Amino acid sequence: MNPPNGPADSQRSRQPPSEAAKASLVKTHTLFRIFILVVLGSFFVFRLDISYLWLTALLTAVGLVLGIMVLIRALKCKESRLVLFGTIAGLLVSAVMVLVILASAAFFNQFRDYQECTRSALTQQRASECRTQLEKSLSAQLR
């Protein structure tokens, strides 16, 4: 008959993580933080100005690569669920950013004109006119 496994037995059987495991954990968390900053950076650079679309594309590509690296490390090292879910959410945002970048590149001139128009718009009516102008230019482009 085996003695019951209590909390003391489970702690005795668990080995403290080795130095290599600690270093791997620190590296994974550092990569995760950099990944989150790159994804947020790509979104905010896109919102800043359409003229920086090249920088947004570069940051999104770096974000996708980092995200895949972090996802592989998180699955291999059995990281916390927060890192795993954060990485998956960041990869989804990066995938959406790829679609946004492709659409913006296809209609670059129209979006640039719209952005300039909204920057100079001081009233809601003028902002509405900018949207209407964008819709007309997009529909003309799609024909």
N, C-alpha and C. Protein backbone atom coordinates (compact mmCIF):
# COMPACT_ATOMS: atom_id res chain seq x y z
N MET A 1 0.83 -1.17 0.00
CA MET A 1 0.00 0.00 0.00
C MET A 1 0.88 1.25 0.00
N ASN A 2 0.60 2.15 -0.90
CA ASN A 2 1.37 3.38 -1.03
C ASN A 2 0.82 4.44 -0.10
N PRO A 3 1.69 5.27 0.45
CA PRO A 3 1.19 6.37 1.28
C PRO A 3 0.49 7.40 0.40
N PRO A 4 -0.47 8.13 0.95
CA PRO A 4 -1.19 9.13 0.16
C PRO A 4 -0.25 10.25 -0.28
N ASN A 5 -0.53 10.73 -1.47
CA ASN A 5 0.27 11.84 -2.00
C ASN A 5 -0.33 13.14 -1.51
N GLY A 6 0.36 13.80 -0.69
CA GLY A 6 -0.09 15.10 -0.17
C GLY A 6 0.70 16.21 -0.82
N PRO A 7 0.43 17.44 -0.42
CA PRO A 7 1.17 18.56 -1.00
C PRO A 7 2.66 18.50 -0.71
N ALA A 8 3.02 17.94 0.44
CA ALA A 8 4.45 17.86 0.78
C ALA A 8 5.16 16.88 -0.15
N ASP A 9 4.49 15.76 -0.48
CA ASP A 9 5.10 14.77 -1.37
C ASP A 9 5.30 15.34 -2.77
N SER A 10 4.32 16.11 -3.26
CA SER A 10 4.45 16.65 -4.61
C SER A 10 5.55 17.69 -4.68
N GLN A 11 5.76 18.44 -3.59
CA GLN A 11 6.81 19.44 -3.61
C GLN A 11 8.18 18.78 -3.52
N ARG A 12 8.27 17.66 -2.78
CA ARG A 12 9.55 16.96 -2.68
C ARG A 12 9.94 16.33 -4.01
N SER A 13 8.94 15.83 -4.75
CA SER A 13 9.25 15.17 -6.02
C SER A 13 9.56 16.17 -7.13
N ARG A 14 9.12 17.39 -6.99
CA ARG A 14 9.40 18.42 -8.00
C ARG A 14 10.80 18.95 -7.83
N GLN A 15 11.51 18.99 -8.93
CA GLN A 15 12.86 19.52 -8.90
C GLN A 15 12.80 21.01 -9.21
N PRO A 16 13.64 21.81 -8.57
CA PRO A 16 13.67 23.23 -8.94
C PRO A 16 14.20 23.35 -10.36
N PRO A 17 13.72 24.36 -11.09
CA PRO A 17 14.17 24.50 -12.48
C PRO A 17 15.68 24.75 -12.55
N SER A 18 16.27 24.19 -13.56
CA SER A 18 17.71 24.36 -13.75
C SER A 18 17.99 25.78 -14.26
N GLU A 19 19.26 26.10 -14.28
CA GLU A 19 19.67 27.42 -14.78
C GLU A 19 19.32 27.57 -16.26
N ALA A 20 19.45 26.50 -17.01
CA ALA A 20 19.12 26.55 -18.44
C ALA A 20 17.63 26.79 -18.63
N ALA A 21 16.79 26.16 -17.79
CA ALA A 21 15.35 26.36 -17.90
C ALA A 21 14.97 27.79 -17.52
N LYS A 22 15.63 28.33 -16.50
CA LYS A 22 15.37 29.72 -16.11
C LYS A 22 15.78 30.69 -17.22
N ALA A 23 16.93 30.43 -17.82
CA ALA A 23 17.41 31.29 -18.91
C ALA A 23 16.47 31.21 -20.11
N SER A 24 15.97 30.01 -20.40
CA SER A 24 15.02 29.84 -21.50
C SER A 24 13.72 30.59 -21.22
N LEU A 25 13.27 30.54 -19.99
CA LEU A 25 12.05 31.25 -19.60
C LEU A 25 12.22 32.75 -19.74
N VAL A 26 13.35 33.26 -19.30
CA VAL A 26 13.63 34.70 -19.41
C VAL A 26 13.70 35.11 -20.89
N LYS A 27 14.35 34.29 -21.71
CA LYS A 27 14.45 34.60 -23.14
C LYS A 27 13.08 34.60 -23.80
N THR A 28 12.23 33.64 -23.45
CA THR A 28 10.89 33.58 -24.03
C THR A 28 10.08 34.80 -23.62
N HIS A 29 10.14 35.20 -22.37
CA HIS A 29 9.40 36.37 -21.91
C HIS A 29 9.91 37.65 -22.56
N THR A 30 11.22 37.74 -22.75
CA THR A 30 11.78 38.91 -23.43
C THR A 30 11.30 38.96 -24.89
N LEU A 31 11.35 37.83 -25.57
CA LEU A 31 10.85 37.78 -26.95
C LEU A 31 9.37 38.12 -27.01
N PHE A 32 8.59 37.66 -26.04
CA PHE A 32 7.16 37.96 -26.00
C PHE A 32 6.93 39.46 -25.84
N ARG A 33 7.68 40.09 -24.96
CA ARG A 33 7.53 41.55 -24.76
C ARG A 33 7.89 42.32 -26.02
N ILE A 34 8.98 41.92 -26.67
CA ILE A 34 9.39 42.58 -27.92
C ILE A 34 8.32 42.38 -28.98
N PHE A 35 7.77 41.17 -29.06
CA PHE A 35 6.71 40.87 -30.02
C PHE A 35 5.50 41.78 -29.82
N ILE A 36 5.06 41.93 -28.58
CA ILE A 36 3.91 42.78 -28.29
C ILE A 36 4.21 44.23 -28.67
N LEU A 37 5.41 44.71 -28.35
CA LEU A 37 5.77 46.09 -28.71
C LEU A 37 5.81 46.29 -30.22
N VAL A 38 6.30 45.31 -30.96
CA VAL A 38 6.37 45.43 -32.43
C VAL A 38 4.97 45.44 -33.03
N VAL A 39 4.08 44.57 -32.52
CA VAL A 39 2.71 44.54 -33.04
C VAL A 39 2.00 45.87 -32.76
N LEU A 40 2.12 46.36 -31.54
CA LEU A 40 1.51 47.66 -31.22
C LEU A 40 2.15 48.77 -32.03
N GLY A 41 3.46 48.70 -32.22
CA GLY A 41 4.15 49.71 -33.01
C GLY A 41 3.67 49.74 -34.45
N SER A 42 3.45 48.58 -35.04
CA SER A 42 2.98 48.55 -36.42
C SER A 42 1.59 49.17 -36.53
N PHE A 43 0.73 48.91 -35.55
CA PHE A 43 -0.61 49.50 -35.57
C PHE A 43 -0.54 51.02 -35.43
N PHE A 44 0.26 51.51 -34.49
CA PHE A 44 0.31 52.95 -34.25
C PHE A 44 1.03 53.70 -35.37
N VAL A 45 2.02 53.08 -36.00
CA VAL A 45 2.67 53.72 -37.14
C VAL A 45 1.69 53.84 -38.29
N PHE A 46 0.86 52.82 -38.49
CA PHE A 46 -0.15 52.89 -39.54
C PHE A 46 -1.14 54.01 -39.27
N ARG A 47 -1.55 54.15 -38.01
CA ARG A 47 -2.50 55.21 -37.64
C ARG A 47 -1.86 56.60 -37.75
N LEU A 48 -0.55 56.67 -37.60
CA LEU A 48 0.15 57.94 -37.61
C LEU A 48 0.06 58.62 -38.97
N ASP A 49 0.47 57.90 -40.01
CA ASP A 49 0.48 58.50 -41.34
C ASP A 49 0.58 57.39 -42.38
N ILE A 50 -0.22 57.49 -43.42
CA ILE A 50 -0.23 56.48 -44.49
C ILE A 50 1.10 56.50 -45.25
N SER A 51 1.82 57.60 -45.18
CA SER A 51 3.11 57.68 -45.88
C SER A 51 4.13 56.71 -45.30
N TYR A 52 3.93 56.26 -44.08
CA TYR A 52 4.83 55.29 -43.44
C TYR A 52 4.33 53.87 -43.61
N LEU A 53 3.66 53.60 -44.70
CA LEU A 53 3.14 52.25 -44.95
C LEU A 53 4.28 51.23 -45.06
N TRP A 54 5.41 51.63 -45.59
CA TRP A 54 6.56 50.74 -45.69
C TRP A 54 7.05 50.32 -44.31
N LEU A 55 7.06 51.26 -43.35
CA LEU A 55 7.49 50.94 -41.99
C LEU A 55 6.47 50.03 -41.30
N THR A 56 5.20 50.28 -41.57
CA THR A 56 4.16 49.42 -41.03
C THR A 56 4.32 47.99 -41.55
N ALA A 57 4.60 47.86 -42.84
CA ALA A 57 4.80 46.53 -43.43
C ALA A 57 6.02 45.84 -42.83
N LEU A 58 7.09 46.59 -42.63
CA LEU A 58 8.30 46.03 -42.04
C LEU A 58 8.05 45.56 -40.61
N LEU A 59 7.40 46.40 -39.81
CA LEU A 59 7.10 46.02 -38.42
C LEU A 59 6.14 44.83 -38.35
N THR A 60 5.20 44.77 -39.26
CA THR A 60 4.27 43.65 -39.27
C THR A 60 4.99 42.36 -39.64
N ALA A 61 5.90 42.42 -40.60
CA ALA A 61 6.67 41.22 -40.97
C ALA A 61 7.54 40.76 -39.80
N VAL A 62 8.19 41.70 -39.13
CA VAL A 62 9.00 41.35 -37.96
C VAL A 62 8.11 40.77 -36.86
N GLY A 63 6.92 41.34 -36.70
CA GLY A 63 5.98 40.83 -35.70
C GLY A 63 5.54 39.41 -35.99
N LEU A 64 5.29 39.11 -37.25
CA LEU A 64 4.89 37.75 -37.61
C LEU A 64 6.02 36.75 -37.32
N VAL A 65 7.24 37.12 -37.65
CA VAL A 65 8.38 36.23 -37.40
C VAL A 65 8.57 36.03 -35.90
N LEU A 66 8.56 37.13 -35.14
CA LEU A 66 8.71 37.01 -33.68
C LEU A 66 7.56 36.22 -33.07
N GLY A 67 6.36 36.44 -33.56
CA GLY A 67 5.20 35.73 -33.03
C GLY A 67 5.31 34.23 -33.23
N ILE A 68 5.77 33.83 -34.40
CA ILE A 68 5.94 32.40 -34.66
C ILE A 68 7.03 31.83 -33.77
N MET A 69 8.12 32.59 -33.59
CA MET A 69 9.19 32.12 -32.70
C MET A 69 8.69 31.96 -31.27
N VAL A 70 7.96 32.94 -30.78
CA VAL A 70 7.45 32.88 -29.41
C VAL A 70 6.43 31.75 -29.26
N LEU A 71 5.59 31.56 -30.27
CA LEU A 71 4.59 30.48 -30.21
C LEU A 71 5.28 29.12 -30.14
N ILE A 72 6.30 28.91 -30.94
CA ILE A 72 7.03 27.64 -30.90
C ILE A 72 7.70 27.44 -29.55
N ARG A 73 8.34 28.50 -29.03
CA ARG A 73 8.99 28.39 -27.72
C ARG A 73 7.96 28.15 -26.62
N ALA A 74 6.82 28.82 -26.71
CA ALA A 74 5.80 28.66 -25.67
C ALA A 74 5.23 27.25 -25.67
N LEU A 75 5.04 26.67 -26.84
CA LEU A 75 4.53 25.31 -26.91
C LEU A 75 5.58 24.28 -26.49
N LYS A 76 6.82 24.51 -26.91
CA LYS A 76 7.88 23.57 -26.59
C LYS A 76 8.21 23.58 -25.09
N CYS A 77 8.27 24.77 -24.50
CA CYS A 77 8.67 24.89 -23.10
C CYS A 77 7.48 24.87 -22.15
N LYS A 78 6.28 24.68 -22.67
CA LYS A 78 5.06 24.67 -21.87
C LYS A 78 4.96 25.93 -21.00
N GLU A 79 4.96 27.06 -21.69
CA GLU A 79 4.86 28.36 -21.03
C GLU A 79 3.48 28.55 -20.43
N SER A 80 3.34 29.66 -19.73
CA SER A 80 2.04 29.97 -19.12
C SER A 80 1.00 30.24 -20.20
N ARG A 81 -0.23 30.10 -19.83
CA ARG A 81 -1.33 30.32 -20.79
C ARG A 81 -1.39 31.77 -21.24
N LEU A 82 -1.00 32.69 -20.36
CA LEU A 82 -1.02 34.11 -20.72
C LEU A 82 -0.10 34.37 -21.90
N VAL A 83 1.09 33.82 -21.88
CA VAL A 83 2.03 34.00 -23.00
C VAL A 83 1.47 33.34 -24.25
N LEU A 84 0.90 32.17 -24.11
CA LEU A 84 0.35 31.46 -25.27
C LEU A 84 -0.82 32.22 -25.88
N PHE A 85 -1.78 32.65 -25.07
CA PHE A 85 -2.93 33.38 -25.59
C PHE A 85 -2.53 34.76 -26.11
N GLY A 86 -1.59 35.42 -25.45
CA GLY A 86 -1.10 36.71 -25.92
C GLY A 86 -0.42 36.60 -27.27
N THR A 87 0.32 35.53 -27.45
CA THR A 87 1.00 35.31 -28.73
C THR A 87 -0.01 35.04 -29.84
N ILE A 88 -0.99 34.21 -29.55
CA ILE A 88 -2.01 33.91 -30.57
C ILE A 88 -2.80 35.16 -30.93
N ALA A 89 -3.16 35.96 -29.92
CA ALA A 89 -3.88 37.21 -30.19
C ALA A 89 -3.02 38.17 -31.01
N GLY A 90 -1.75 38.27 -30.68
CA GLY A 90 -0.84 39.14 -31.44
C GLY A 90 -0.67 38.68 -32.87
N LEU A 91 -0.63 37.37 -33.09
CA LEU A 91 -0.53 36.85 -34.46
C LEU A 91 -1.81 37.14 -35.25
N LEU A 92 -2.95 37.07 -34.58
CA LEU A 92 -4.21 37.42 -35.27
C LEU A 92 -4.22 38.90 -35.66
N VAL A 93 -3.76 39.77 -34.76
CA VAL A 93 -3.68 41.19 -35.07
C VAL A 93 -2.71 41.42 -36.23
N SER A 94 -1.60 40.71 -36.24
CA SER A 94 -0.64 40.84 -37.34
C SER A 94 -1.24 40.38 -38.66
N ALA A 95 -2.04 39.32 -38.63
CA ALA A 95 -2.69 38.84 -39.85
C ALA A 95 -3.68 39.89 -40.38
N VAL A 96 -4.41 40.52 -39.48
CA VAL A 96 -5.34 41.58 -39.89
C VAL A 96 -4.55 42.77 -40.45
N MET A 97 -3.41 43.07 -39.82
CA MET A 97 -2.59 44.17 -40.32
C MET A 97 -2.07 43.89 -41.73
N VAL A 98 -1.78 42.64 -42.04
CA VAL A 98 -1.35 42.28 -43.41
C VAL A 98 -2.45 42.62 -44.40
N LEU A 99 -3.69 42.28 -44.06
CA LEU A 99 -4.82 42.62 -44.94
C LEU A 99 -4.99 44.13 -45.08
N VAL A 100 -4.86 44.84 -43.98
CA VAL A 100 -4.99 46.31 -44.00
C VAL A 100 -3.88 46.92 -44.86
N ILE A 101 -2.68 46.41 -44.72
CA ILE A 101 -1.55 46.93 -45.50
C ILE A 101 -1.77 46.68 -46.99
N LEU A 102 -2.25 45.50 -47.33
CA LEU A 102 -2.51 45.19 -48.75
C LEU A 102 -3.59 46.11 -49.33
N ALA A 103 -4.65 46.33 -48.56
CA ALA A 103 -5.72 47.22 -49.03
C ALA A 103 -5.22 48.66 -49.14
N SER A 104 -4.43 49.08 -48.17
CA SER A 104 -3.89 50.45 -48.21
C SER A 104 -2.92 50.64 -49.36
N ALA A 105 -2.15 49.62 -49.66
CA ALA A 105 -1.22 49.73 -50.78
C ALA A 105 -1.97 49.78 -52.11
N ALA A 106 -3.06 49.03 -52.20
CA ALA A 106 -3.84 49.02 -53.44
C ALA A 106 -4.51 50.36 -53.70
N PHE A 107 -4.92 51.04 -52.63
CA PHE A 107 -5.64 52.31 -52.75
C PHE A 107 -4.86 53.42 -52.04
N PHE A 108 -3.55 53.42 -52.24
CA PHE A 108 -2.68 54.34 -51.50
C PHE A 108 -3.05 55.81 -51.72
N ASN A 109 -3.22 56.21 -52.97
CA ASN A 109 -3.50 57.63 -53.26
C ASN A 109 -4.82 58.07 -52.65
N GLN A 110 -5.85 57.23 -52.71
CA GLN A 110 -7.15 57.59 -52.16
C GLN A 110 -7.07 57.75 -50.64
N PHE A 111 -6.38 56.82 -49.97
CA PHE A 111 -6.26 56.92 -48.52
C PHE A 111 -5.40 58.11 -48.10
N ARG A 112 -4.36 58.40 -48.87
CA ARG A 112 -3.52 59.56 -48.56
C ARG A 112 -4.33 60.85 -48.68
N ASP A 113 -5.14 60.97 -49.75
CA ASP A 113 -5.99 62.15 -49.92
C ASP A 113 -7.01 62.26 -48.79
N TYR A 114 -7.57 61.13 -48.40
CA TYR A 114 -8.54 61.13 -47.30
C TYR A 114 -7.89 61.57 -45.99
N GLN A 115 -6.69 61.08 -45.74
CA GLN A 115 -6.01 61.44 -44.51
C GLN A 115 -5.69 62.93 -44.47
N GLU A 116 -5.25 63.48 -45.59
CA GLU A 116 -4.98 64.92 -45.67
C GLU A 116 -6.26 65.72 -45.47
N CYS A 117 -7.34 65.25 -46.06
CA CYS A 117 -8.63 65.95 -45.94
C CYS A 117 -9.11 65.96 -44.49
N THR A 118 -9.01 64.82 -43.81
CA THR A 118 -9.50 64.77 -42.42
C THR A 118 -8.62 65.56 -41.47
N ARG A 119 -7.35 65.70 -41.79
CA ARG A 119 -6.48 66.51 -40.92
C ARG A 119 -6.87 67.98 -40.97
N SER A 120 -7.33 68.42 -42.12
CA SER A 120 -7.70 69.83 -42.24
C SER A 120 -9.17 70.09 -41.90
N ALA A 121 -9.93 69.03 -41.68
CA ALA A 121 -11.36 69.18 -41.37
C ALA A 121 -11.53 69.65 -39.93
N LEU A 122 -12.22 70.77 -39.77
CA LEU A 122 -12.45 71.31 -38.43
C LEU A 122 -13.85 71.01 -37.91
N THR A 123 -14.74 70.60 -38.80
CA THR A 123 -16.12 70.34 -38.38
C THR A 123 -16.52 68.91 -38.77
N GLN A 124 -17.60 68.46 -38.17
CA GLN A 124 -18.13 67.14 -38.50
C GLN A 124 -18.60 67.10 -39.95
N GLN A 125 -19.17 68.20 -40.40
CA GLN A 125 -19.66 68.25 -41.77
C GLN A 125 -18.51 68.08 -42.76
N ARG A 126 -17.40 68.74 -42.50
CA ARG A 126 -16.24 68.63 -43.39
C ARG A 126 -15.68 67.20 -43.35
N ALA A 127 -15.63 66.57 -42.17
CA ALA A 127 -15.16 65.19 -42.05
C ALA A 127 -16.08 64.25 -42.81
N SER A 128 -17.38 64.52 -42.77
CA SER A 128 -18.34 63.72 -43.52
C SER A 128 -18.12 63.88 -45.03
N GLU A 129 -17.80 65.09 -45.46
CA GLU A 129 -17.51 65.33 -46.87
C GLU A 129 -16.25 64.57 -47.30
N CYS A 130 -15.28 64.48 -46.39
CA CYS A 130 -14.06 63.72 -46.70
C CYS A 130 -14.38 62.25 -46.90
N ARG A 131 -15.25 61.70 -46.04
CA ARG A 131 -15.64 60.29 -46.19
C ARG A 131 -16.39 60.07 -47.50
N THR A 132 -17.27 60.98 -47.83
CA THR A 132 -18.02 60.87 -49.08
C THR A 132 -17.06 60.92 -50.28
N GLN A 133 -16.10 61.81 -50.22
CA GLN A 133 -15.10 61.93 -51.29
C GLN A 133 -14.30 60.63 -51.40
N LEU A 134 -13.93 60.03 -50.28
CA LEU A 134 -13.21 58.76 -50.30
C LEU A 134 -14.06 57.65 -50.92
N GLU A 135 -15.31 57.58 -50.52
CA GLU A 135 -16.20 56.55 -51.08
C GLU A 135 -16.33 56.69 -52.58
N LYS A 136 -16.47 57.91 -53.06
CA LYS A 136 -16.58 58.13 -54.50
C LYS A 136 -15.30 57.74 -55.24
N SER A 137 -14.15 58.09 -54.66
CA SER A 137 -12.88 57.77 -55.32
C SER A 137 -12.63 56.26 -55.30
N LEU A 138 -13.02 55.58 -54.23
CA LEU A 138 -12.85 54.12 -54.17
C LEU A 138 -13.76 53.41 -55.16
N SER A 139 -15.01 53.87 -55.23
CA SER A 139 -15.93 53.22 -56.18
C SER A 139 -15.50 53.46 -57.62
N ALA A 140 -14.93 54.63 -57.90
CA ALA A 140 -14.42 54.91 -59.24
C ALA A 140 -13.21 54.03 -59.55
N GLN A 141 -12.38 53.79 -58.54
CA GLN A 141 -11.20 52.94 -58.73
C GLN A 141 -11.58 51.49 -58.97
N LEU A 142 -12.66 51.02 -58.33
CA LEU A 142 -13.06 49.62 -58.44
C LEU A 142 -13.78 49.30 -59.74
N ARG A 143 -14.23 50.30 -60.45
CA ARG A 143 -14.93 50.07 -61.72
C ARG A 143 -14.03 49.64 -62.81
